[in-house]
mmCIF file of all heavy atoms, coordinates in Angstrom:
data_MODEL
# 
_entry.id   MODEL 
# 
loop_
_atom_site.group_PDB 
_atom_site.id 
_atom_site.type_symbol 
_atom_site.label_atom_id 
_atom_site.label_alt_id 
_atom_site.label_comp_id 
_atom_site.label_asym_id 
_atom_site.label_entity_id 
_atom_site.label_seq_id 
_atom_site.pdbx_PDB_ins_code 
_atom_site.Cartn_x 
_atom_site.Cartn_y 
_atom_site.Cartn_z 
_atom_site.occupancy 
_atom_site.B_iso_or_equiv 
_atom_site.pdbx_formal_charge 
_atom_site.auth_seq_id 
_atom_site.auth_comp_id 
_atom_site.auth_asym_id 
_atom_site.auth_atom_id 
_atom_site.pdbx_PDB_model_num 
ATOM 1   N N   . TYR A 1 1  ? -5.336  -47.297 16.485 1.00 0.00 ? 1  TYR A N   1 
ATOM 2   C CA  . TYR A 1 1  ? -5.569  -45.897 16.144 1.00 0.00 ? 1  TYR A CA  1 
ATOM 3   C C   . TYR A 1 1  ? -5.834  -45.671 14.658 1.00 0.00 ? 1  TYR A C   1 
ATOM 4   O O   . TYR A 1 1  ? -6.008  -44.537 14.228 1.00 0.00 ? 1  TYR A O   1 
ATOM 5   C CB  . TYR A 1 1  ? -4.364  -45.050 16.573 1.00 0.00 ? 1  TYR A CB  1 
ATOM 6   C CG  . TYR A 1 1  ? -4.147  -45.053 18.066 1.00 0.00 ? 1  TYR A CG  1 
ATOM 7   C CD1 . TYR A 1 1  ? -3.147  -45.828 18.635 1.00 0.00 ? 1  TYR A CD1 1 
ATOM 8   C CD2 . TYR A 1 1  ? -4.947  -44.284 18.903 1.00 0.00 ? 1  TYR A CD2 1 
ATOM 9   C CE1 . TYR A 1 1  ? -2.945  -45.845 20.004 1.00 0.00 ? 1  TYR A CE1 1 
ATOM 10  C CE2 . TYR A 1 1  ? -4.747  -44.299 20.272 1.00 0.00 ? 1  TYR A CE2 1 
ATOM 11  C CZ  . TYR A 1 1  ? -3.749  -45.083 20.820 1.00 0.00 ? 1  TYR A CZ  1 
ATOM 12  O OH  . TYR A 1 1  ? -3.560  -45.101 22.180 1.00 0.00 ? 1  TYR A OH  1 
ATOM 13  N N   . GLY A 1 2  ? -5.875  -46.760 13.883 1.00 0.00 ? 2  GLY A N   1 
ATOM 14  C CA  . GLY A 1 2  ? -6.009  -46.619 12.435 1.00 0.00 ? 2  GLY A CA  1 
ATOM 15  C C   . GLY A 1 2  ? -7.425  -46.540 11.925 1.00 0.00 ? 2  GLY A C   1 
ATOM 16  O O   . GLY A 1 2  ? -7.634  -46.575 10.710 1.00 0.00 ? 2  GLY A O   1 
ATOM 17  N N   . GLY A 1 3  ? -8.413  -46.471 12.818 1.00 0.00 ? 3  GLY A N   1 
ATOM 18  C CA  . GLY A 1 3  ? -9.795  -46.371 12.384 1.00 0.00 ? 3  GLY A CA  1 
ATOM 19  C C   . GLY A 1 3  ? -10.490 -47.717 12.353 1.00 0.00 ? 3  GLY A C   1 
ATOM 20  O O   . GLY A 1 3  ? -9.944  -48.740 12.779 1.00 0.00 ? 3  GLY A O   1 
ATOM 21  N N   . ALA A 1 4  ? -11.731 -47.731 11.846 1.00 0.00 ? 4  ALA A N   1 
ATOM 22  C CA  . ALA A 1 4  ? -12.547 -48.942 11.853 1.00 0.00 ? 4  ALA A CA  1 
ATOM 23  C C   . ALA A 1 4  ? -11.948 -50.050 10.988 1.00 0.00 ? 4  ALA A C   1 
ATOM 24  O O   . ALA A 1 4  ? -12.068 -51.225 11.311 1.00 0.00 ? 4  ALA A O   1 
ATOM 25  C CB  . ALA A 1 4  ? -13.962 -48.612 11.379 1.00 0.00 ? 4  ALA A CB  1 
ATOM 26  N N   . LYS A 1 5  ? -11.341 -49.698 9.867  1.00 0.00 ? 5  LYS A N   1 
ATOM 27  C CA  . LYS A 1 5  ? -10.719 -50.679 8.976  1.00 0.00 ? 5  LYS A CA  1 
ATOM 28  C C   . LYS A 1 5  ? -9.277  -50.269 8.718  1.00 0.00 ? 5  LYS A C   1 
ATOM 29  O O   . LYS A 1 5  ? -8.936  -49.762 7.632  1.00 0.00 ? 5  LYS A O   1 
ATOM 30  C CB  . LYS A 1 5  ? -11.496 -50.793 7.667  1.00 0.00 ? 5  LYS A CB  1 
ATOM 31  C CG  . LYS A 1 5  ? -12.898 -51.352 7.842  1.00 0.00 ? 5  LYS A CG  1 
ATOM 32  C CD  . LYS A 1 5  ? -13.594 -51.490 6.499  1.00 0.00 ? 5  LYS A CD  1 
ATOM 33  C CE  . LYS A 1 5  ? -14.983 -52.097 6.659  1.00 0.00 ? 5  LYS A CE  1 
ATOM 34  N NZ  . LYS A 1 5  ? -15.678 -52.232 5.359  1.00 0.00 ? 5  LYS A NZ  1 
ATOM 35  N N   . PRO A 1 6  ? -8.402  -50.488 9.684  1.00 0.00 ? 6  PRO A N   1 
ATOM 36  C CA  . PRO A 1 6  ? -7.014  -50.037 9.519  1.00 0.00 ? 6  PRO A CA  1 
ATOM 37  C C   . PRO A 1 6  ? -6.284  -50.841 8.455  1.00 0.00 ? 6  PRO A C   1 
ATOM 38  O O   . PRO A 1 6  ? -6.466  -52.043 8.327  1.00 0.00 ? 6  PRO A O   1 
ATOM 39  C CB  . PRO A 1 6  ? -6.405  -50.285 10.906 1.00 0.00 ? 6  PRO A CB  1 
ATOM 40  C CG  . PRO A 1 6  ? -7.236  -51.387 11.487 1.00 0.00 ? 6  PRO A CG  1 
ATOM 41  C CD  . PRO A 1 6  ? -8.623  -51.172 10.967 1.00 0.00 ? 6  PRO A CD  1 
ATOM 42  N N   . ALA A 1 7  ? -5.475  -50.156 7.680  1.00 0.00 ? 7  ALA A N   1 
ATOM 43  C CA  . ALA A 1 7  ? -4.619  -50.787 6.678  1.00 0.00 ? 7  ALA A CA  1 
ATOM 44  C C   . ALA A 1 7  ? -3.171  -50.554 7.085  1.00 0.00 ? 7  ALA A C   1 
ATOM 45  O O   . ALA A 1 7  ? -2.771  -49.423 7.348  1.00 0.00 ? 7  ALA A O   1 
ATOM 46  C CB  . ALA A 1 7  ? -4.885  -50.203 5.300  1.00 0.00 ? 7  ALA A CB  1 
ATOM 47  N N   . VAL A 1 8  ? -2.402  -51.637 7.147  1.00 0.00 ? 8  VAL A N   1 
ATOM 48  C CA  . VAL A 1 8  ? -1.033  -51.553 7.634  1.00 0.00 ? 8  VAL A CA  1 
ATOM 49  C C   . VAL A 1 8  ? -0.100  -52.245 6.654  1.00 0.00 ? 8  VAL A C   1 
ATOM 50  O O   . VAL A 1 8  ? -0.402  -53.333 6.153  1.00 0.00 ? 8  VAL A O   1 
ATOM 51  C CB  . VAL A 1 8  ? -0.882  -52.220 9.023  1.00 0.00 ? 8  VAL A CB  1 
ATOM 52  C CG1 . VAL A 1 8  ? 0.514   -51.982 9.583  1.00 0.00 ? 8  VAL A CG1 1 
ATOM 53  C CG2 . VAL A 1 8  ? -1.937  -51.715 9.993  1.00 0.00 ? 8  VAL A CG2 1 
ATOM 54  N N   . SER A 1 9  ? 1.029   -51.617 6.387  1.00 0.00 ? 9  SER A N   1 
ATOM 55  C CA  . SER A 1 9  ? 2.062   -52.202 5.540  1.00 0.00 ? 9  SER A CA  1 
ATOM 56  C C   . SER A 1 9  ? 3.339   -52.342 6.358  1.00 0.00 ? 9  SER A C   1 
ATOM 57  O O   . SER A 1 9  ? 3.755   -51.409 7.041  1.00 0.00 ? 9  SER A O   1 
ATOM 58  C CB  . SER A 1 9  ? 2.325   -51.307 4.325  1.00 0.00 ? 9  SER A CB  1 
ATOM 59  O OG  . SER A 1 9  ? 3.478   -51.732 3.631  1.00 0.00 ? 9  SER A OG  1 
ATOM 60  N N   . VAL A 1 10 ? 3.943   -53.535 6.299  1.00 0.00 ? 10 VAL A N   1 
ATOM 61  C CA  . VAL A 1 10 ? 5.201   -53.808 6.994  1.00 0.00 ? 10 VAL A CA  1 
ATOM 62  C C   . VAL A 1 10 ? 6.211   -54.289 5.964  1.00 0.00 ? 10 VAL A C   1 
ATOM 63  O O   . VAL A 1 10 ? 5.926   -55.207 5.187  1.00 0.00 ? 10 VAL A O   1 
ATOM 64  C CB  . VAL A 1 10 ? 5.026   -54.876 8.091  1.00 0.00 ? 10 VAL A CB  1 
ATOM 65  C CG1 . VAL A 1 10 ? 6.335   -55.070 8.851  1.00 0.00 ? 10 VAL A CG1 1 
ATOM 66  C CG2 . VAL A 1 10 ? 3.901   -54.503 9.050  1.00 0.00 ? 10 VAL A CG2 1 
ATOM 67  N N   . ARG A 1 11 ? 7.371   -53.653 5.949  1.00 0.00 ? 11 ARG A N   1 
ATOM 68  C CA  . ARG A 1 11 ? 8.413   -54.026 4.983  1.00 0.00 ? 11 ARG A CA  1 
ATOM 69  C C   . ARG A 1 11 ? 9.746   -54.204 5.703  1.00 0.00 ? 11 ARG A C   1 
ATOM 70  O O   . ARG A 1 11 ? 10.057  -53.476 6.644  1.00 0.00 ? 11 ARG A O   1 
ATOM 71  C CB  . ARG A 1 11 ? 8.570   -52.955 3.906  1.00 0.00 ? 11 ARG A CB  1 
ATOM 72  C CG  . ARG A 1 11 ? 7.365   -52.749 3.018  1.00 0.00 ? 11 ARG A CG  1 
ATOM 73  C CD  . ARG A 1 11 ? 7.595   -51.570 2.095  1.00 0.00 ? 11 ARG A CD  1 
ATOM 74  N NE  . ARG A 1 11 ? 8.798   -51.749 1.283  1.00 0.00 ? 11 ARG A NE  1 
ATOM 75  C CZ  . ARG A 1 11 ? 9.496   -50.754 0.760  1.00 0.00 ? 11 ARG A CZ  1 
ATOM 76  N NH1 . ARG A 1 11 ? 9.132   -49.498 0.984  1.00 0.00 ? 11 ARG A NH1 1 
ATOM 77  N NH2 . ARG A 1 11 ? 10.563  -50.990 0.024  1.00 0.00 ? 11 ARG A NH2 1 
ATOM 78  N N   . CYS A 1 12 ? 10.516  -55.170 5.241  1.00 0.00 ? 12 CYS A N   1 
ATOM 79  C CA  . CYS A 1 12 ? 11.889  -55.361 5.710  1.00 0.00 ? 12 CYS A CA  1 
ATOM 80  C C   . CYS A 1 12 ? 12.815  -55.204 4.509  1.00 0.00 ? 12 CYS A C   1 
ATOM 81  O O   . CYS A 1 12 ? 12.582  -55.801 3.456  1.00 0.00 ? 12 CYS A O   1 
ATOM 82  C CB  . CYS A 1 12 ? 12.080  -56.761 6.310  1.00 0.00 ? 12 CYS A CB  1 
ATOM 83  S SG  . CYS A 1 12 ? 11.177  -57.035 7.826  1.00 0.00 ? 12 CYS A SG  1 
ATOM 84  N N   . LEU A 1 13 ? 13.859  -54.445 4.673  1.00 0.00 ? 13 LEU A N   1 
ATOM 85  C CA  . LEU A 1 13 ? 14.789  -54.240 3.575  1.00 0.00 ? 13 LEU A CA  1 
ATOM 86  C C   . LEU A 1 13 ? 16.194  -53.957 4.087  1.00 0.00 ? 13 LEU A C   1 
ATOM 87  O O   . LEU A 1 13 ? 16.386  -53.696 5.279  1.00 0.00 ? 13 LEU A O   1 
ATOM 88  C CB  . LEU A 1 13 ? 14.328  -53.094 2.679  1.00 0.00 ? 13 LEU A CB  1 
ATOM 89  C CG  . LEU A 1 13 ? 14.210  -51.704 3.313  1.00 0.00 ? 13 LEU A CG  1 
ATOM 90  C CD1 . LEU A 1 13 ? 14.544  -50.626 2.300  1.00 0.00 ? 13 LEU A CD1 1 
ATOM 91  C CD2 . LEU A 1 13 ? 12.781  -51.468 3.822  1.00 0.00 ? 13 LEU A CD2 1 
ATOM 92  N N   . ARG A 1 14 ? 17.102  -54.011 3.182  1.00 0.00 ? 14 ARG A N   1 
ATOM 93  C CA  . ARG A 1 14 ? 18.503  -53.712 3.493  1.00 0.00 ? 14 ARG A CA  1 
ATOM 94  C C   . ARG A 1 14 ? 18.865  -52.360 2.888  1.00 0.00 ? 14 ARG A C   1 
ATOM 95  O O   . ARG A 1 14 ? 18.629  -52.104 1.709  1.00 0.00 ? 14 ARG A O   1 
ATOM 96  C CB  . ARG A 1 14 ? 19.417  -54.799 2.929  1.00 0.00 ? 14 ARG A CB  1 
ATOM 97  C CG  . ARG A 1 14 ? 20.899  -54.544 3.157  1.00 0.00 ? 14 ARG A CG  1 
ATOM 98  C CD  . ARG A 1 14 ? 21.732  -55.739 2.755  1.00 0.00 ? 14 ARG A CD  1 
ATOM 99  N NE  . ARG A 1 14 ? 23.138  -55.531 3.074  1.00 0.00 ? 14 ARG A NE  1 
ATOM 100 C CZ  . ARG A 1 14 ? 24.023  -56.500 3.192  1.00 0.00 ? 14 ARG A CZ  1 
ATOM 101 N NH1 . ARG A 1 14 ? 23.639  -57.766 2.999  1.00 0.00 ? 14 ARG A NH1 1 
ATOM 102 N NH2 . ARG A 1 14 ? 25.277  -56.240 3.492  1.00 0.00 ? 14 ARG A NH2 1 
ATOM 103 N N   . GLN A 1 15 ? 19.437  -51.510 3.708  1.00 0.00 ? 15 GLN A N   1 
ATOM 104 C CA  . GLN A 1 15 ? 19.929  -50.211 3.253  1.00 0.00 ? 15 GLN A CA  1 
ATOM 105 C C   . GLN A 1 15 ? 21.388  -50.080 3.684  1.00 0.00 ? 15 GLN A C   1 
ATOM 106 O O   . GLN A 1 15 ? 21.683  -49.828 4.849  1.00 0.00 ? 15 GLN A O   1 
ATOM 107 C CB  . GLN A 1 15 ? 19.093  -49.072 3.839  1.00 0.00 ? 15 GLN A CB  1 
ATOM 108 C CG  . GLN A 1 15 ? 17.693  -48.970 3.264  1.00 0.00 ? 15 GLN A CG  1 
ATOM 109 C CD  . GLN A 1 15 ? 16.930  -47.766 3.778  1.00 0.00 ? 15 GLN A CD  1 
ATOM 110 O OE1 . GLN A 1 15 ? 17.319  -47.123 4.745  1.00 0.00 ? 15 GLN A OE1 1 
ATOM 111 N NE2 . GLN A 1 15 ? 15.824  -47.454 3.131  1.00 0.00 ? 15 GLN A NE2 1 
ATOM 112 N N   . GLY A 1 16 ? 22.286  -50.305 2.731  1.00 0.00 ? 16 GLY A N   1 
ATOM 113 C CA  . GLY A 1 16 ? 23.708  -50.280 3.063  1.00 0.00 ? 16 GLY A CA  1 
ATOM 114 C C   . GLY A 1 16 ? 24.058  -51.368 4.045  1.00 0.00 ? 16 GLY A C   1 
ATOM 115 O O   . GLY A 1 16 ? 23.834  -52.553 3.789  1.00 0.00 ? 16 GLY A O   1 
ATOM 116 N N   . ASN A 1 17 ? 24.579  -50.985 5.193  1.00 0.00 ? 17 ASN A N   1 
ATOM 117 C CA  . ASN A 1 17 ? 24.971  -51.961 6.217  1.00 0.00 ? 17 ASN A CA  1 
ATOM 118 C C   . ASN A 1 17 ? 23.951  -52.038 7.344  1.00 0.00 ? 17 ASN A C   1 
ATOM 119 O O   . ASN A 1 17 ? 24.286  -52.395 8.476  1.00 0.00 ? 17 ASN A O   1 
ATOM 120 C CB  . ASN A 1 17 ? 26.347  -51.594 6.793  1.00 0.00 ? 17 ASN A CB  1 
ATOM 121 C CG  . ASN A 1 17 ? 26.341  -50.243 7.484  1.00 0.00 ? 17 ASN A CG  1 
ATOM 122 O OD1 . ASN A 1 17 ? 25.377  -49.480 7.365  1.00 0.00 ? 17 ASN A OD1 1 
ATOM 123 N ND2 . ASN A 1 17 ? 27.414  -49.939 8.201  1.00 0.00 ? 17 ASN A ND2 1 
ATOM 124 N N   . ARG A 1 18 ? 22.697  -51.720 7.043  1.00 0.00 ? 18 ARG A N   1 
ATOM 125 C CA  . ARG A 1 18 ? 21.658  -51.728 8.067  1.00 0.00 ? 18 ARG A CA  1 
ATOM 126 C C   . ARG A 1 18 ? 20.438  -52.517 7.600  1.00 0.00 ? 18 ARG A C   1 
ATOM 127 O O   . ARG A 1 18 ? 20.097  -52.541 6.407  1.00 0.00 ? 18 ARG A O   1 
ATOM 128 C CB  . ARG A 1 18 ? 21.227  -50.303 8.427  1.00 0.00 ? 18 ARG A CB  1 
ATOM 129 C CG  . ARG A 1 18 ? 22.380  -49.437 8.918  1.00 0.00 ? 18 ARG A CG  1 
ATOM 130 C CD  . ARG A 1 18 ? 21.915  -48.058 9.313  1.00 0.00 ? 18 ARG A CD  1 
ATOM 131 N NE  . ARG A 1 18 ? 21.275  -48.035 10.603 1.00 0.00 ? 18 ARG A NE  1 
ATOM 132 C CZ  . ARG A 1 18 ? 21.928  -47.999 11.763 1.00 0.00 ? 18 ARG A CZ  1 
ATOM 133 N NH1 . ARG A 1 18 ? 23.256  -47.980 11.776 1.00 0.00 ? 18 ARG A NH1 1 
ATOM 134 N NH2 . ARG A 1 18 ? 21.280  -47.993 12.904 1.00 0.00 ? 18 ARG A NH2 1 
ATOM 135 N N   . ALA A 1 19 ? 19.806  -53.183 8.569  1.00 0.00 ? 19 ALA A N   1 
ATOM 136 C CA  . ALA A 1 19 ? 18.509  -53.823 8.341  1.00 0.00 ? 19 ALA A CA  1 
ATOM 137 C C   . ALA A 1 19 ? 17.436  -52.847 8.785  1.00 0.00 ? 19 ALA A C   1 
ATOM 138 O O   . ALA A 1 19 ? 17.530  -52.250 9.858  1.00 0.00 ? 19 ALA A O   1 
ATOM 139 C CB  . ALA A 1 19 ? 18.406  -55.118 9.141  1.00 0.00 ? 19 ALA A CB  1 
ATOM 140 N N   . VAL A 1 20 ? 16.419  -52.672 7.957  1.00 0.00 ? 20 VAL A N   1 
ATOM 141 C CA  . VAL A 1 20 ? 15.392  -51.666 8.226  1.00 0.00 ? 20 VAL A CA  1 
ATOM 142 C C   . VAL A 1 20 ? 14.011  -52.318 8.243  1.00 0.00 ? 20 VAL A C   1 
ATOM 143 O O   . VAL A 1 20 ? 13.670  -53.100 7.350  1.00 0.00 ? 20 VAL A O   1 
ATOM 144 C CB  . VAL A 1 20 ? 15.417  -50.542 7.168  1.00 0.00 ? 20 VAL A CB  1 
ATOM 145 C CG1 . VAL A 1 20 ? 14.365  -49.476 7.488  1.00 0.00 ? 20 VAL A CG1 1 
ATOM 146 C CG2 . VAL A 1 20 ? 16.806  -49.908 7.105  1.00 0.00 ? 20 VAL A CG2 1 
ATOM 147 N N   . LEU A 1 21 ? 13.245  -51.991 9.259  1.00 0.00 ? 21 LEU A N   1 
ATOM 148 C CA  . LEU A 1 21 ? 11.859  -52.421 9.376  1.00 0.00 ? 21 LEU A CA  1 
ATOM 149 C C   . LEU A 1 21 ? 10.981  -51.177 9.234  1.00 0.00 ? 21 LEU A C   1 
ATOM 150 O O   . LEU A 1 21 ? 11.122  -50.223 10.000 1.00 0.00 ? 21 LEU A O   1 
ATOM 151 C CB  . LEU A 1 21 ? 11.621  -53.084 10.732 1.00 0.00 ? 21 LEU A CB  1 
ATOM 152 C CG  . LEU A 1 21 ? 10.203  -53.567 11.033 1.00 0.00 ? 21 LEU A CG  1 
ATOM 153 C CD1 . LEU A 1 21 ? 9.855   -54.776 10.181 1.00 0.00 ? 21 LEU A CD1 1 
ATOM 154 C CD2 . LEU A 1 21 ? 10.055  -53.908 12.519 1.00 0.00 ? 21 LEU A CD2 1 
ATOM 155 N N   . LEU A 1 22 ? 10.088  -51.188 8.245  1.00 0.00 ? 22 LEU A N   1 
ATOM 156 C CA  . LEU A 1 22 ? 9.238   -50.035 7.967  1.00 0.00 ? 22 LEU A CA  1 
ATOM 157 C C   . LEU A 1 22 ? 7.780   -50.372 8.260  1.00 0.00 ? 22 LEU A C   1 
ATOM 158 O O   . LEU A 1 22 ? 7.263   -51.386 7.759  1.00 0.00 ? 22 LEU A O   1 
ATOM 159 C CB  . LEU A 1 22 ? 9.363   -49.605 6.504  1.00 0.00 ? 22 LEU A CB  1 
ATOM 160 C CG  . LEU A 1 22 ? 10.747  -49.168 6.016  1.00 0.00 ? 22 LEU A CG  1 
ATOM 161 C CD1 . LEU A 1 22 ? 10.709  -48.894 4.523  1.00 0.00 ? 22 LEU A CD1 1 
ATOM 162 C CD2 . LEU A 1 22 ? 11.201  -47.923 6.767  1.00 0.00 ? 22 LEU A CD2 1 
ATOM 163 N N   . PHE A 1 23 ? 7.140   -49.548 9.068  1.00 0.00 ? 23 PHE A N   1 
ATOM 164 C CA  . PHE A 1 23 ? 5.703   -49.652 9.324  1.00 0.00 ? 23 PHE A CA  1 
ATOM 165 C C   . PHE A 1 23 ? 5.018   -48.451 8.693  1.00 0.00 ? 23 PHE A C   1 
ATOM 166 O O   . PHE A 1 23 ? 5.507   -47.325 8.797  1.00 0.00 ? 23 PHE A O   1 
ATOM 167 C CB  . PHE A 1 23 ? 5.411   -49.639 10.832 1.00 0.00 ? 23 PHE A CB  1 
ATOM 168 C CG  . PHE A 1 23 ? 5.450   -50.993 11.471 1.00 0.00 ? 23 PHE A CG  1 
ATOM 169 C CD1 . PHE A 1 23 ? 6.650   -51.556 11.843 1.00 0.00 ? 23 PHE A CD1 1 
ATOM 170 C CD2 . PHE A 1 23 ? 4.285   -51.697 11.720 1.00 0.00 ? 23 PHE A CD2 1 
ATOM 171 C CE1 . PHE A 1 23 ? 6.698   -52.795 12.449 1.00 0.00 ? 23 PHE A CE1 1 
ATOM 172 C CE2 . PHE A 1 23 ? 4.321   -52.938 12.315 1.00 0.00 ? 23 PHE A CE2 1 
ATOM 173 C CZ  . PHE A 1 23 ? 5.519   -53.494 12.688 1.00 0.00 ? 23 PHE A CZ  1 
ATOM 174 N N   . ARG A 1 24 ? 3.872   -48.695 8.068  1.00 0.00 ? 24 ARG A N   1 
ATOM 175 C CA  . ARG A 1 24 ? 3.109   -47.599 7.481  1.00 0.00 ? 24 ARG A CA  1 
ATOM 176 C C   . ARG A 1 24 ? 1.635   -47.900 7.634  1.00 0.00 ? 24 ARG A C   1 
ATOM 177 O O   . ARG A 1 24 ? 1.176   -49.004 7.338  1.00 0.00 ? 24 ARG A O   1 
ATOM 178 C CB  . ARG A 1 24 ? 3.459   -47.454 5.994  1.00 0.00 ? 24 ARG A CB  1 
ATOM 179 C CG  . ARG A 1 24 ? 2.667   -46.374 5.250  1.00 0.00 ? 24 ARG A CG  1 
ATOM 180 C CD  . ARG A 1 24 ? 3.240   -45.012 5.530  1.00 0.00 ? 24 ARG A CD  1 
ATOM 181 N NE  . ARG A 1 24 ? 2.697   -44.013 4.622  1.00 0.00 ? 24 ARG A NE  1 
ATOM 182 C CZ  . ARG A 1 24 ? 1.583   -43.299 4.849  1.00 0.00 ? 24 ARG A CZ  1 
ATOM 183 N NH1 . ARG A 1 24 ? 0.889   -43.503 5.943  1.00 0.00 ? 24 ARG A NH1 1 
ATOM 184 N NH2 . ARG A 1 24 ? 1.187   -42.393 3.984  1.00 0.00 ? 24 ARG A NH2 1 
ATOM 185 N N   . ASP A 1 25 ? 0.872   -46.933 8.141  1.00 0.00 ? 25 ASP A N   1 
ATOM 186 C CA  . ASP A 1 25 ? -0.575  -47.075 8.147  1.00 0.00 ? 25 ASP A CA  1 
ATOM 187 C C   . ASP A 1 25 ? -1.199  -45.835 7.529  1.00 0.00 ? 25 ASP A C   1 
ATOM 188 O O   . ASP A 1 25 ? -0.532  -44.822 7.320  1.00 0.00 ? 25 ASP A O   1 
ATOM 189 C CB  . ASP A 1 25 ? -1.126  -47.354 9.553  1.00 0.00 ? 25 ASP A CB  1 
ATOM 190 C CG  . ASP A 1 25 ? -1.004  -46.163 10.504 1.00 0.00 ? 25 ASP A CG  1 
ATOM 191 O OD1 . ASP A 1 25 ? -1.406  -45.043 10.127 1.00 0.00 ? 25 ASP A OD1 1 
ATOM 192 O OD2 . ASP A 1 25 ? -0.535  -46.342 11.652 1.00 0.00 ? 25 ASP A OD2 1 
ATOM 193 N N   . TRP A 1 26 ? -2.478  -45.952 7.217  1.00 0.00 ? 26 TRP A N   1 
ATOM 194 C CA  . TRP A 1 26 ? -3.197  -44.868 6.544  1.00 0.00 ? 26 TRP A CA  1 
ATOM 195 C C   . TRP A 1 26 ? -4.362  -44.383 7.409  1.00 0.00 ? 26 TRP A C   1 
ATOM 196 O O   . TRP A 1 26 ? -5.407  -44.016 6.904  1.00 0.00 ? 26 TRP A O   1 
ATOM 197 C CB  . TRP A 1 26 ? -3.675  -45.331 5.174  1.00 0.00 ? 26 TRP A CB  1 
ATOM 198 C CG  . TRP A 1 26 ? -2.553  -45.465 4.204  1.00 0.00 ? 26 TRP A CG  1 
ATOM 199 C CD1 . TRP A 1 26 ? -2.131  -44.535 3.295  1.00 0.00 ? 26 TRP A CD1 1 
ATOM 200 C CD2 . TRP A 1 26 ? -1.659  -46.584 4.051  1.00 0.00 ? 26 TRP A CD2 1 
ATOM 201 N NE1 . TRP A 1 26 ? -1.057  -45.008 2.602  1.00 0.00 ? 26 TRP A NE1 1 
ATOM 202 C CE2 . TRP A 1 26 ? -0.739  -46.264 3.034  1.00 0.00 ? 26 TRP A CE2 1 
ATOM 203 C CE3 . TRP A 1 26 ? -1.557  -47.825 4.685  1.00 0.00 ? 26 TRP A CE3 1 
ATOM 204 C CZ2 . TRP A 1 26 ? 0.261   -47.143 2.637  1.00 0.00 ? 26 TRP A CZ2 1 
ATOM 205 C CZ3 . TRP A 1 26 ? -0.560  -48.693 4.301  1.00 0.00 ? 26 TRP A CZ3 1 
ATOM 206 C CH2 . TRP A 1 26 ? 0.342   -48.358 3.281  1.00 0.00 ? 26 TRP A CH2 1 
ATOM 207 N N   . GLY A 1 27 ? -4.130  -44.377 8.713  1.00 0.00 ? 27 GLY A N   1 
ATOM 208 C CA  . GLY A 1 27 ? -5.142  -43.916 9.644  1.00 0.00 ? 27 GLY A CA  1 
ATOM 209 C C   . GLY A 1 27 ? -5.155  -42.396 9.769  1.00 0.00 ? 27 GLY A C   1 
ATOM 210 O O   . GLY A 1 27 ? -4.597  -41.678 8.938  1.00 0.00 ? 27 GLY A O   1 
ATOM 211 N N   . PRO A 1 28 ? -5.756  -41.888 10.847 1.00 0.00 ? 28 PRO A N   1 
ATOM 212 C CA  . PRO A 1 28 ? -5.863  -40.433 11.030 1.00 0.00 ? 28 PRO A CA  1 
ATOM 213 C C   . PRO A 1 28 ? -4.557  -39.759 11.403 1.00 0.00 ? 28 PRO A C   1 
ATOM 214 O O   . PRO A 1 28 ? -4.467  -38.529 11.380 1.00 0.00 ? 28 PRO A O   1 
ATOM 215 C CB  . PRO A 1 28 ? -6.888  -40.298 12.162 1.00 0.00 ? 28 PRO A CB  1 
ATOM 216 C CG  . PRO A 1 28 ? -6.797  -41.596 12.906 1.00 0.00 ? 28 PRO A CG  1 
ATOM 217 C CD  . PRO A 1 28 ? -6.496  -42.635 11.871 1.00 0.00 ? 28 PRO A CD  1 
# 
C-alpha cells in the first residue's frame, strides 16, 4: 500500500521494561 516506490523503516528498541518494534512508511 506504500505506492510504486515504498519506503519502510523498521526499528527495535527498549523502552523501560518493554521491547518495542516500530514500523513506519511514507505511503498514502
